[in-house]
Amino acid sequence: MTDSFMHDHQSAVDSFMEDKAIQDLEDAGIYPDPGTDIEVGDLVQTTQEYNSLCTTSGKVIEDFGNKVLIIDDDAETEDNVLEFYKSDLQIIENDNDDYEPTDLEMQQSFGTPWHDWI
């Protein structure tokens, strides 16, 4: 009886174990979640799933893979740095939207120093 059960459900068990292993790696910061584009400098707030009664917002100051540190906009004490999983946050405003590369960055993006050929 055990053999027929495993035969019928082995793929589901394997899929569950794989998802669980990936989640464990994401929680440890080893395997970053590709769905999160949160970077240092972004203005973020907590999602409804994290806390449906009160949102926390702030600017990202440090990135640890699947976790970030933010400066709480509404902190009433000097201890205003908070740590969140990226999956618990959503971007309100992205500082990188208005980014324009410098002349040096544009020159370096060509690989070989193009000015040496002139």
N, C-alpha and C. Protein backbone atom coordinates (compact mmCIF):
# COMPACT_ATOMS: atom_id res chain seq x y z
N MET A 1 0.82 -1.19 0.00
CA MET A 1 0.00 0.00 0.00
C MET A 1 0.87 1.26 0.00
N THR A 2 1.96 1.24 0.71
CA THR A 2 2.85 2.38 0.74
C THR A 2 3.42 2.66 -0.63
N ASP A 3 3.76 1.61 -1.35
CA ASP A 3 4.35 1.80 -2.68
C ASP A 3 3.39 2.50 -3.62
N SER A 4 2.12 2.14 -3.59
CA SER A 4 1.16 2.78 -4.49
C SER A 4 0.94 4.26 -4.10
N PHE A 5 0.95 4.53 -2.81
CA PHE A 5 0.80 5.92 -2.38
C PHE A 5 1.97 6.76 -2.88
N MET A 6 3.18 6.28 -2.68
CA MET A 6 4.36 7.02 -3.12
C MET A 6 4.40 7.14 -4.64
N HIS A 7 3.95 6.10 -5.31
CA HIS A 7 3.92 6.15 -6.77
C HIS A 7 2.98 7.26 -7.25
N ASP A 8 1.84 7.40 -6.58
CA ASP A 8 0.85 8.39 -6.99
C ASP A 8 1.22 9.82 -6.55
N HIS A 9 1.96 9.97 -5.46
CA HIS A 9 2.19 11.30 -4.88
C HIS A 9 3.66 11.72 -4.79
N GLN A 10 4.55 10.94 -5.36
CA GLN A 10 5.98 11.25 -5.23
C GLN A 10 6.33 12.62 -5.81
N SER A 11 5.76 12.99 -6.95
CA SER A 11 6.10 14.27 -7.56
C SER A 11 5.64 15.44 -6.67
N ALA A 12 4.49 15.30 -6.03
CA ALA A 12 4.00 16.35 -5.14
C ALA A 12 4.90 16.48 -3.91
N VAL A 13 5.34 15.35 -3.37
CA VAL A 13 6.23 15.37 -2.21
C VAL A 13 7.57 16.01 -2.59
N ASP A 14 8.11 15.63 -3.75
CA ASP A 14 9.38 16.21 -4.21
C ASP A 14 9.25 17.72 -4.41
N SER A 15 8.17 18.17 -5.00
CA SER A 15 7.95 19.58 -5.24
C SER A 15 7.85 20.34 -3.92
N PHE A 16 7.14 19.78 -2.96
CA PHE A 16 7.01 20.40 -1.65
C PHE A 16 8.37 20.53 -0.97
N MET A 17 9.17 19.47 -1.02
CA MET A 17 10.47 19.49 -0.36
C MET A 17 11.41 20.49 -1.04
N GLU A 18 11.33 20.59 -2.37
CA GLU A 18 12.15 21.56 -3.09
C GLU A 18 11.76 22.99 -2.72
N ASP A 19 10.45 23.26 -2.68
CA ASP A 19 9.98 24.59 -2.29
C ASP A 19 10.40 24.94 -0.87
N LYS A 20 10.33 23.96 0.02
CA LYS A 20 10.72 24.16 1.42
C LYS A 20 12.22 24.46 1.51
N ALA A 21 13.05 23.76 0.75
CA ALA A 21 14.49 23.99 0.77
C ALA A 21 14.82 25.39 0.25
N ILE A 22 14.15 25.82 -0.82
CA ILE A 22 14.37 27.16 -1.36
C ILE A 22 13.95 28.22 -0.35
N GLN A 23 12.82 28.00 0.32
CA GLN A 23 12.36 28.96 1.33
C GLN A 23 13.35 29.05 2.49
N ASP A 24 13.91 27.92 2.91
CA ASP A 24 14.91 27.93 3.98
C ASP A 24 16.15 28.72 3.56
N LEU A 25 16.58 28.56 2.30
CA LEU A 25 17.74 29.29 1.81
C LEU A 25 17.44 30.79 1.70
N GLU A 26 16.23 31.14 1.26
CA GLU A 26 15.84 32.55 1.19
C GLU A 26 15.81 33.17 2.57
N ASP A 27 15.26 32.44 3.56
CA ASP A 27 15.19 32.96 4.92
C ASP A 27 16.58 33.17 5.52
N ALA A 28 17.54 32.35 5.10
CA ALA A 28 18.90 32.47 5.61
C ALA A 28 19.70 33.53 4.85
N GLY A 29 19.13 34.06 3.77
CA GLY A 29 19.82 35.08 2.99
C GLY A 29 20.79 34.53 1.97
N ILE A 30 20.77 33.22 1.78
CA ILE A 30 21.71 32.58 0.85
C ILE A 30 21.17 32.61 -0.57
N TYR A 31 19.88 32.50 -0.72
CA TYR A 31 19.24 32.41 -2.04
C TYR A 31 18.25 33.56 -2.14
N PRO A 32 18.66 34.69 -2.73
CA PRO A 32 17.76 35.85 -2.75
C PRO A 32 16.54 35.62 -3.62
N ASP A 33 15.44 36.20 -3.23
CA ASP A 33 14.19 36.10 -3.98
C ASP A 33 14.29 36.99 -5.22
N PRO A 34 14.20 36.41 -6.43
CA PRO A 34 14.35 37.22 -7.63
C PRO A 34 13.20 38.18 -7.87
N GLY A 35 12.10 38.01 -7.16
CA GLY A 35 10.93 38.86 -7.38
C GLY A 35 11.00 40.20 -6.68
N THR A 36 12.01 40.41 -5.88
CA THR A 36 12.10 41.66 -5.15
C THR A 36 13.18 42.54 -5.76
N ASP A 37 12.81 43.73 -6.14
CA ASP A 37 13.74 44.67 -6.75
C ASP A 37 14.11 45.79 -5.79
N ILE A 38 13.92 45.58 -4.51
CA ILE A 38 14.19 46.61 -3.51
C ILE A 38 15.69 46.79 -3.38
N GLU A 39 16.14 48.05 -3.45
CA GLU A 39 17.56 48.37 -3.36
C GLU A 39 17.78 49.51 -2.37
N VAL A 40 19.02 49.73 -2.02
CA VAL A 40 19.38 50.84 -1.13
C VAL A 40 18.94 52.15 -1.78
N GLY A 41 18.28 52.98 -0.99
CA GLY A 41 17.80 54.28 -1.48
C GLY A 41 16.32 54.29 -1.80
N ASP A 42 15.69 53.12 -1.94
CA ASP A 42 14.26 53.06 -2.25
C ASP A 42 13.44 53.46 -1.02
N LEU A 43 12.31 54.11 -1.26
CA LEU A 43 11.35 54.41 -0.21
C LEU A 43 10.33 53.27 -0.23
N VAL A 44 10.19 52.57 0.89
CA VAL A 44 9.34 51.37 0.96
C VAL A 44 8.34 51.47 2.10
N GLN A 45 7.33 50.61 2.04
CA GLN A 45 6.40 50.48 3.16
C GLN A 45 6.02 49.02 3.31
N THR A 46 5.54 48.66 4.50
CA THR A 46 5.14 47.28 4.74
C THR A 46 3.89 46.96 3.95
N THR A 47 3.74 45.68 3.60
CA THR A 47 2.58 45.24 2.83
C THR A 47 1.38 45.01 3.75
N GLN A 48 0.22 44.91 3.15
CA GLN A 48 -1.00 44.61 3.91
C GLN A 48 -0.90 43.25 4.58
N GLU A 49 -0.23 42.29 3.92
CA GLU A 49 -0.09 40.95 4.50
C GLU A 49 0.78 40.97 5.76
N TYR A 50 1.75 41.88 5.80
CA TYR A 50 2.63 41.98 6.97
C TYR A 50 1.86 42.53 8.17
N ASN A 51 1.13 43.62 7.96
CA ASN A 51 0.34 44.21 9.02
C ASN A 51 -0.80 45.00 8.38
N SER A 52 -2.01 44.52 8.52
CA SER A 52 -3.15 45.16 7.86
C SER A 52 -3.65 46.39 8.62
N LEU A 53 -3.22 46.59 9.86
CA LEU A 53 -3.72 47.71 10.66
C LEU A 53 -2.84 48.95 10.58
N CYS A 54 -1.54 48.75 10.42
CA CYS A 54 -0.62 49.88 10.47
C CYS A 54 0.54 49.61 9.51
N THR A 55 0.88 50.63 8.72
CA THR A 55 2.02 50.46 7.82
C THR A 55 3.23 51.20 8.37
N THR A 56 4.38 50.65 8.09
CA THR A 56 5.64 51.28 8.45
C THR A 56 6.34 51.63 7.15
N SER A 57 6.86 52.84 7.05
CA SER A 57 7.55 53.24 5.83
C SER A 57 8.89 53.86 6.16
N GLY A 58 9.77 53.84 5.18
CA GLY A 58 11.08 54.44 5.37
C GLY A 58 11.98 54.20 4.18
N LYS A 59 13.17 54.73 4.27
CA LYS A 59 14.15 54.62 3.20
C LYS A 59 15.11 53.47 3.50
N VAL A 60 15.39 52.65 2.49
CA VAL A 60 16.31 51.52 2.65
C VAL A 60 17.73 52.05 2.76
N ILE A 61 18.43 51.63 3.83
CA ILE A 61 19.81 52.10 4.03
C ILE A 61 20.84 50.99 3.89
N GLU A 62 20.40 49.72 3.97
CA GLU A 62 21.34 48.61 3.84
C GLU A 62 20.60 47.39 3.32
N ASP A 63 21.27 46.61 2.45
CA ASP A 63 20.68 45.44 1.80
C ASP A 63 21.47 44.20 2.20
N PHE A 64 20.77 43.17 2.72
CA PHE A 64 21.41 41.92 3.13
C PHE A 64 20.90 40.73 2.32
N GLY A 65 20.54 40.93 1.08
CA GLY A 65 20.02 39.82 0.27
C GLY A 65 18.51 39.77 0.35
N ASN A 66 17.98 38.97 1.27
CA ASN A 66 16.53 38.88 1.40
C ASN A 66 15.99 39.76 2.53
N LYS A 67 16.88 40.46 3.23
CA LYS A 67 16.48 41.39 4.29
C LYS A 67 17.09 42.76 4.01
N VAL A 68 16.43 43.80 4.52
CA VAL A 68 16.95 45.16 4.39
C VAL A 68 16.77 45.90 5.71
N LEU A 69 17.57 46.95 5.89
CA LEU A 69 17.40 47.88 7.00
C LEU A 69 16.79 49.14 6.45
N ILE A 70 15.79 49.67 7.16
CA ILE A 70 15.18 50.93 6.76
C ILE A 70 15.22 51.90 7.94
N ILE A 71 15.18 53.20 7.61
CA ILE A 71 15.02 54.23 8.64
C ILE A 71 13.54 54.55 8.70
N ASP A 72 12.93 54.28 9.85
CA ASP A 72 11.50 54.48 10.05
C ASP A 72 11.15 55.97 10.00
N ASP A 73 10.25 56.33 9.08
CA ASP A 73 9.84 57.73 8.92
C ASP A 73 9.12 58.28 10.15
N ASP A 74 8.38 57.42 10.84
CA ASP A 74 7.53 57.87 11.94
C ASP A 74 8.05 57.48 13.32
N ALA A 75 9.34 57.16 13.41
CA ALA A 75 9.89 56.75 14.71
C ALA A 75 9.83 57.89 15.70
N GLU A 76 9.44 57.56 16.92
CA GLU A 76 9.35 58.57 17.97
C GLU A 76 10.54 58.51 18.92
N THR A 77 11.47 57.63 18.64
CA THR A 77 12.67 57.50 19.48
C THR A 77 13.90 57.59 18.58
N GLU A 78 15.07 57.60 19.19
CA GLU A 78 16.31 57.64 18.42
C GLU A 78 16.59 56.31 17.73
N ASP A 79 16.00 55.23 18.23
CA ASP A 79 16.19 53.90 17.64
C ASP A 79 15.22 53.76 16.47
N ASN A 80 15.60 54.28 15.31
CA ASN A 80 14.68 54.34 14.18
C ASN A 80 15.06 53.40 13.04
N VAL A 81 16.03 52.51 13.24
CA VAL A 81 16.43 51.56 12.20
C VAL A 81 15.71 50.23 12.43
N LEU A 82 15.03 49.76 11.39
CA LEU A 82 14.25 48.52 11.47
C LEU A 82 14.70 47.55 10.40
N GLU A 83 14.59 46.25 10.68
CA GLU A 83 14.97 45.21 9.72
C GLU A 83 13.71 44.48 9.26
N PHE A 84 13.60 44.28 7.94
CA PHE A 84 12.46 43.58 7.35
C PHE A 84 12.93 42.62 6.28
N TYR A 85 12.14 41.54 6.08
CA TYR A 85 12.32 40.72 4.88
C TYR A 85 11.80 41.54 3.70
N LYS A 86 12.47 41.42 2.56
CA LYS A 86 12.03 42.14 1.37
C LYS A 86 10.62 41.74 0.97
N SER A 87 10.26 40.49 1.23
CA SER A 87 8.93 40.02 0.86
C SER A 87 7.82 40.70 1.67
N ASP A 88 8.17 41.35 2.79
CA ASP A 88 7.19 42.06 3.61
C ASP A 88 7.08 43.54 3.25
N LEU A 89 7.82 43.97 2.21
CA LEU A 89 7.85 45.38 1.83
C LEU A 89 7.42 45.57 0.38
N GLN A 90 6.97 46.78 0.09
CA GLN A 90 6.68 47.17 -1.29
C GLN A 90 7.28 48.55 -1.53
N ILE A 91 7.70 48.78 -2.77
CA ILE A 91 8.35 50.04 -3.11
C ILE A 91 7.29 51.13 -3.29
N ILE A 92 7.51 52.26 -2.63
CA ILE A 92 6.65 53.43 -2.83
C ILE A 92 7.29 54.32 -3.88
N GLU A 93 8.59 54.54 -3.73
CA GLU A 93 9.32 55.42 -4.63
C GLU A 93 10.72 54.86 -4.82
N ASN A 94 11.18 54.85 -6.06
CA ASN A 94 12.48 54.30 -6.37
C ASN A 94 13.43 55.43 -6.71
N ASP A 95 14.51 55.58 -5.95
CA ASP A 95 15.50 56.63 -6.19
C ASP A 95 16.24 56.44 -7.50
N ASN A 96 16.27 55.21 -8.01
CA ASN A 96 17.06 54.92 -9.19
C ASN A 96 16.33 55.24 -10.49
N ASP A 97 15.07 55.70 -10.43
CA ASP A 97 14.32 56.00 -11.65
C ASP A 97 14.91 57.19 -12.41
N ASP A 98 15.45 58.17 -11.72
CA ASP A 98 15.99 59.36 -12.35
C ASP A 98 17.51 59.29 -12.52
N TYR A 99 18.05 58.10 -12.40
CA TYR A 99 19.49 57.93 -12.46
C TYR A 99 20.01 58.18 -13.87
N GLU A 100 21.06 58.97 -13.97
CA GLU A 100 21.73 59.21 -15.25
C GLU A 100 23.22 58.95 -15.04
N PRO A 101 23.81 58.04 -15.85
CA PRO A 101 25.21 57.71 -15.65
C PRO A 101 26.13 58.88 -15.95
N THR A 102 27.27 58.89 -15.27
CA THR A 102 28.26 59.93 -15.51
C THR A 102 29.00 59.63 -16.81
N ASP A 103 29.76 60.60 -17.31
CA ASP A 103 30.54 60.41 -18.52
C ASP A 103 31.53 59.25 -18.34
N LEU A 104 32.17 59.19 -17.18
CA LEU A 104 33.13 58.13 -16.92
C LEU A 104 32.46 56.76 -16.95
N GLU A 105 31.27 56.64 -16.34
CA GLU A 105 30.54 55.36 -16.36
C GLU A 105 30.17 54.97 -17.78
N MET A 106 29.79 55.92 -18.59
CA MET A 106 29.46 55.62 -20.00
C MET A 106 30.71 55.16 -20.75
N GLN A 107 31.85 55.81 -20.52
CA GLN A 107 33.08 55.40 -21.18
C GLN A 107 33.49 54.00 -20.76
N GLN A 108 33.34 53.69 -19.46
CA GLN A 108 33.73 52.38 -18.95
C GLN A 108 32.79 51.28 -19.42
N SER A 109 31.56 51.61 -19.80
CA SER A 109 30.62 50.59 -20.23
C SER A 109 30.99 50.00 -21.59
N PHE A 110 31.90 50.64 -22.32
CA PHE A 110 32.32 50.13 -23.62
C PHE A 110 33.41 49.07 -23.49
N GLY A 111 33.87 48.80 -22.29
CA GLY A 111 34.91 47.78 -22.10
C GLY A 111 36.29 48.36 -22.35
N THR A 112 36.77 48.24 -23.56
CA THR A 112 38.07 48.79 -23.93
C THR A 112 37.98 50.31 -23.89
N PRO A 113 38.94 50.96 -23.27
CA PRO A 113 38.90 52.43 -23.25
C PRO A 113 38.89 52.98 -24.68
N TRP A 114 37.76 53.48 -25.09
CA TRP A 114 37.59 53.93 -26.47
C TRP A 114 38.44 55.16 -26.78
N HIS A 115 38.76 55.96 -25.75
CA HIS A 115 39.52 57.18 -26.00
C HIS A 115 40.97 56.89 -26.37
N ASP A 116 41.45 55.66 -26.10
CA ASP A 116 42.83 55.31 -26.47
C ASP A 116 42.99 55.18 -27.98
N TRP A 117 41.87 55.01 -28.69
CA TRP A 117 41.93 54.82 -30.14
C TRP A 117 41.96 56.16 -30.87
N ILE A 118 41.72 57.23 -30.17
CA ILE A 118 41.65 58.55 -30.82
C ILE A 118 43.04 59.12 -31.00
